[in-house]
């Protein structure tokens, strides 16, 4: 169980809407599952993923181990003692240099990362956000190599690259990204 409380979730739903809920399972290697387990400091079992928009561009990041030309939506943990808004804004700034404004709580994805009989239950909280200001450059340079605005059409290439690499975490990020884009499209169609 994540250290995020149900009251934290209820508060964020009150402010940014109830998200669409999804469930998936992702097979991982023992090494990948261990990497997820090592991120579970203080009982962490979540991430906040941010789709940050500036006009029709999205702000994506590349980690050091990513091959050249591969980017994805920034994500990270709410730290113990932070609320979800504080955590989202801090992560956005650390990974991209951007000040943001949360717009909508799009998705809550519960995922079971597994390898044989071992598994970790995880939840991704996915938000749409608006770029407000800031020089685009990562401040957490140990984790993030680069941040930049991308076109929506670039995402198909990023997803294809991630799937070719056949890494469980990348397969999950493709699932998350594709479902977020579908949810954004639904929202756009409803607002017509």
Protein backbone atom coordinates (compact mmCIF):
# COMPACT_ATOMS: atom_id res chain seq x y z
CA UNK A 1 0.00 0.00 0.00
CA UNK A 2 1.33 3.42 -0.93
CA UNK A 3 1.74 6.08 1.73
CA UNK A 4 -0.70 8.24 -0.24
CA UNK A 5 -3.88 8.29 1.82
CA UNK A 6 -7.40 7.87 0.47
CA UNK A 7 -8.11 11.38 1.82
CA UNK A 8 -5.30 12.72 -0.43
CA UNK A 9 -6.90 11.01 -3.42
CA UNK A 10 -10.39 12.27 -2.53
CA UNK A 11 -9.08 15.83 -2.21
CA UNK A 12 -7.38 15.72 -5.60
CA UNK A 13 -10.53 14.23 -7.21
CA UNK A 14 -12.57 17.07 -5.72
CA UNK A 15 -10.25 19.63 -7.31
CA UNK A 16 -9.40 18.01 -10.66
CA UNK A 17 -12.15 15.49 -11.34
CA UNK A 18 -12.51 11.75 -10.89
CA UNK A 19 -10.16 9.96 -13.30
CA UNK A 20 -10.87 7.06 -15.58
CA UNK A 21 -9.57 3.91 -13.87
CA UNK A 22 -7.64 1.17 -15.65
CA UNK A 23 -5.87 -2.04 -14.63
CA UNK A 24 -3.07 -3.91 -16.34
CA UNK A 25 -0.35 -6.45 -15.63
CA UNK A 26 3.22 -6.15 -16.89
CA UNK A 27 5.75 -8.97 -16.89
CA UNK A 28 9.26 -7.95 -15.91
CA UNK A 29 12.65 -9.57 -15.56
CA UNK A 30 13.91 -10.20 -12.01
CA UNK A 31 16.28 -7.22 -12.44
CA UNK A 32 13.47 -4.89 -13.54
CA UNK A 33 11.25 -5.94 -10.63
CA UNK A 34 14.16 -5.34 -8.24
CA UNK A 35 14.59 -1.85 -9.69
CA UNK A 36 10.92 -1.06 -9.01
CA UNK A 37 11.28 -2.50 -5.49
CA UNK A 38 14.29 -0.25 -4.85
CA UNK A 39 12.12 2.79 -5.66
CA UNK A 40 9.69 1.85 -2.89
CA UNK A 41 11.31 4.09 -0.28
CA UNK A 42 8.95 4.75 2.67
CA UNK A 43 6.40 2.33 1.21
CA UNK A 44 6.05 4.11 -2.12
CA UNK A 45 3.83 2.27 -4.58
CA UNK A 46 2.87 5.09 -6.95
CA UNK A 47 3.97 7.66 -9.46
CA UNK A 48 2.49 10.87 -10.73
CA UNK A 49 2.83 11.21 -14.50
CA UNK A 50 2.40 14.64 -16.06
CA UNK A 51 1.30 15.47 -19.59
CA UNK A 52 2.37 19.12 -19.63
CA UNK A 53 1.06 21.24 -22.49
CA UNK A 54 2.25 24.53 -23.93
CA UNK A 55 -0.16 25.30 -26.75
CA UNK A 56 -0.08 22.14 -28.92
CA UNK A 57 3.32 20.90 -27.66
CA UNK A 58 3.98 18.50 -24.77
CA UNK A 59 6.94 18.63 -22.39
CA UNK A 60 8.75 15.27 -22.29
CA UNK A 61 11.99 14.05 -20.69
CA UNK A 62 14.83 11.64 -21.45
CA UNK A 63 16.69 9.69 -18.78
CA UNK A 64 20.42 9.04 -19.14
CA UNK A 65 20.00 5.40 -20.15
CA UNK A 66 17.47 6.19 -22.91
CA UNK A 67 18.73 5.82 -26.45
CA UNK A 68 19.11 9.12 -28.35
CA UNK A 69 15.78 10.44 -29.56
CA UNK A 70 13.62 8.67 -26.93
CA UNK A 71 11.47 10.80 -24.60
CA UNK A 72 8.45 10.24 -22.36
CA UNK A 73 6.14 12.17 -20.06
CA UNK A 74 7.81 13.18 -16.78
CA UNK A 75 6.88 11.24 -13.66
CA UNK A 76 7.90 10.79 -10.07
CA UNK A 77 6.81 10.26 -6.50
CA UNK A 78 4.92 12.36 -4.04
CA UNK A 79 7.24 12.44 -1.03
CA UNK A 80 5.98 11.62 2.47
CA UNK A 81 4.47 14.79 3.93
CA UNK A 82 3.70 16.35 0.53
CA UNK A 83 0.24 16.57 -0.94
CA UNK A 84 -0.24 15.46 -4.54
CA UNK A 85 -0.23 19.00 -5.93
CA UNK A 86 3.05 19.84 -4.19
CA UNK A 87 4.59 16.57 -5.38
CA UNK A 88 3.46 17.08 -8.98
CA UNK A 89 4.78 20.64 -9.10
CA UNK A 90 8.09 19.66 -7.50
CA UNK A 91 8.58 16.74 -9.89
CA UNK A 92 7.75 18.91 -12.90
CA UNK A 93 10.31 21.50 -11.82
CA UNK A 94 13.02 18.96 -10.94
CA UNK A 95 12.67 17.04 -14.20
CA UNK A 96 11.92 19.88 -16.64
CA UNK A 97 12.51 23.30 -15.03
CA UNK A 98 8.85 24.18 -15.65
CA UNK A 99 6.37 25.75 -13.29
CA UNK A 100 3.03 24.09 -13.99
CA UNK A 101 -0.64 24.30 -13.21
CA UNK A 102 -2.55 21.03 -12.88
CA UNK A 103 -5.62 20.96 -15.11
CA UNK A 104 -7.28 17.55 -14.86
CA UNK A 105 -6.85 14.17 -13.17
CA UNK A 106 -7.05 11.98 -16.30
CA UNK A 107 -6.25 8.41 -15.30
CA UNK A 108 -5.58 6.20 -12.31
CA UNK A 109 -3.84 3.07 -13.53
CA UNK A 110 -3.38 0.16 -11.18
CA UNK A 111 -0.69 -2.15 -12.44
CA UNK A 112 0.72 -5.43 -11.24
CA UNK A 113 4.41 -5.69 -12.12
CA UNK A 114 5.34 -9.37 -11.90
CA UNK A 115 8.06 -11.93 -12.47
CA UNK A 116 7.09 -15.55 -11.90
CA UNK A 117 5.35 -15.59 -8.48
CA UNK A 118 6.85 -12.29 -7.29
CA UNK A 119 4.93 -9.07 -7.88
CA UNK A 120 4.49 -5.42 -6.92
CA UNK A 121 1.18 -3.58 -7.01
CA UNK A 122 1.62 0.00 -8.25
CA UNK A 123 -0.62 2.96 -9.09
CA UNK A 124 0.05 5.70 -11.64
CA UNK A 125 -1.84 8.96 -11.21
CA UNK A 126 -1.88 10.72 -14.59
CA UNK A 127 -2.57 14.45 -14.88
CA UNK A 128 -2.95 16.97 -17.64
CA UNK A 129 -1.03 20.13 -16.76
CA UNK A 130 -0.34 23.50 -18.31
CA UNK A 131 3.14 24.98 -18.67
CA UNK A 132 3.17 28.33 -16.84
CA UNK A 133 6.81 29.47 -16.93
CA UNK A 134 10.42 28.42 -16.52
CA UNK A 135 13.54 27.68 -18.52
CA UNK A 136 13.29 24.15 -19.86
CA UNK A 137 16.22 22.27 -18.39
CA UNK A 138 16.31 19.45 -15.85
CA UNK A 139 17.37 20.32 -12.32
CA UNK A 140 17.58 16.66 -11.29
CA UNK A 141 20.49 15.94 -13.62
CA UNK A 142 21.31 12.65 -11.89
CA UNK A 143 18.06 11.17 -13.21
CA UNK A 144 17.14 13.30 -16.24
CA UNK A 145 19.40 13.95 -19.23
CA UNK A 146 17.14 16.30 -21.18
CA UNK A 147 13.71 17.93 -21.26
CA UNK A 148 12.08 19.37 -24.36
CA UNK A 149 8.78 20.17 -26.00
CA UNK A 150 7.63 17.57 -28.50
CA UNK A 151 4.88 17.29 -31.08
CA UNK A 152 2.10 14.76 -30.51
CA UNK A 153 3.09 13.07 -33.80
CA UNK A 154 6.50 12.19 -32.25
CA UNK A 155 4.90 9.95 -29.64
CA UNK A 156 4.26 7.11 -32.09
CA UNK A 157 8.03 6.90 -32.77
CA UNK A 158 8.81 6.99 -29.02
CA UNK A 159 6.32 4.20 -28.35
CA UNK A 160 7.67 2.05 -31.20
CA UNK A 161 11.20 2.51 -29.84
CA UNK A 162 10.13 1.53 -26.32
CA UNK A 163 8.35 -1.59 -27.56
CA UNK A 164 11.38 -2.67 -29.63
CA UNK A 165 13.57 -2.43 -26.51
CA UNK A 166 11.24 -5.00 -24.86
CA UNK A 167 11.68 -3.72 -21.31
CA UNK A 168 8.73 -4.13 -18.93
CA UNK A 169 8.85 -0.53 -17.71
CA UNK A 170 8.84 0.76 -21.28
CA UNK A 171 5.94 -1.52 -22.26
CA UNK A 172 4.03 -0.07 -19.30
CA UNK A 173 4.87 3.52 -20.33
CA UNK A 174 3.51 2.79 -23.81
CA UNK A 175 0.26 1.50 -22.25
CA UNK A 176 0.05 4.60 -20.03
CA UNK A 177 0.81 7.03 -22.86
CA UNK A 178 -1.59 5.46 -25.37
CA UNK A 179 -4.42 5.45 -22.82
CA UNK A 180 -3.69 9.03 -21.78
CA UNK A 181 -3.87 10.18 -25.40
CA UNK A 182 -7.20 8.33 -25.78
CA UNK A 183 -8.52 10.04 -22.64
CA UNK A 184 -7.39 13.45 -23.90
CA UNK A 185 -9.12 12.74 -27.23
CA UNK A 186 -12.35 11.80 -25.39
CA UNK A 187 -12.13 15.03 -23.42
CA UNK A 188 -11.54 17.03 -26.60
CA UNK A 189 -14.54 15.40 -28.30
CA UNK A 190 -16.78 16.06 -25.28
CA UNK A 191 -15.81 19.75 -25.29
CA UNK A 192 -16.81 20.26 -28.94
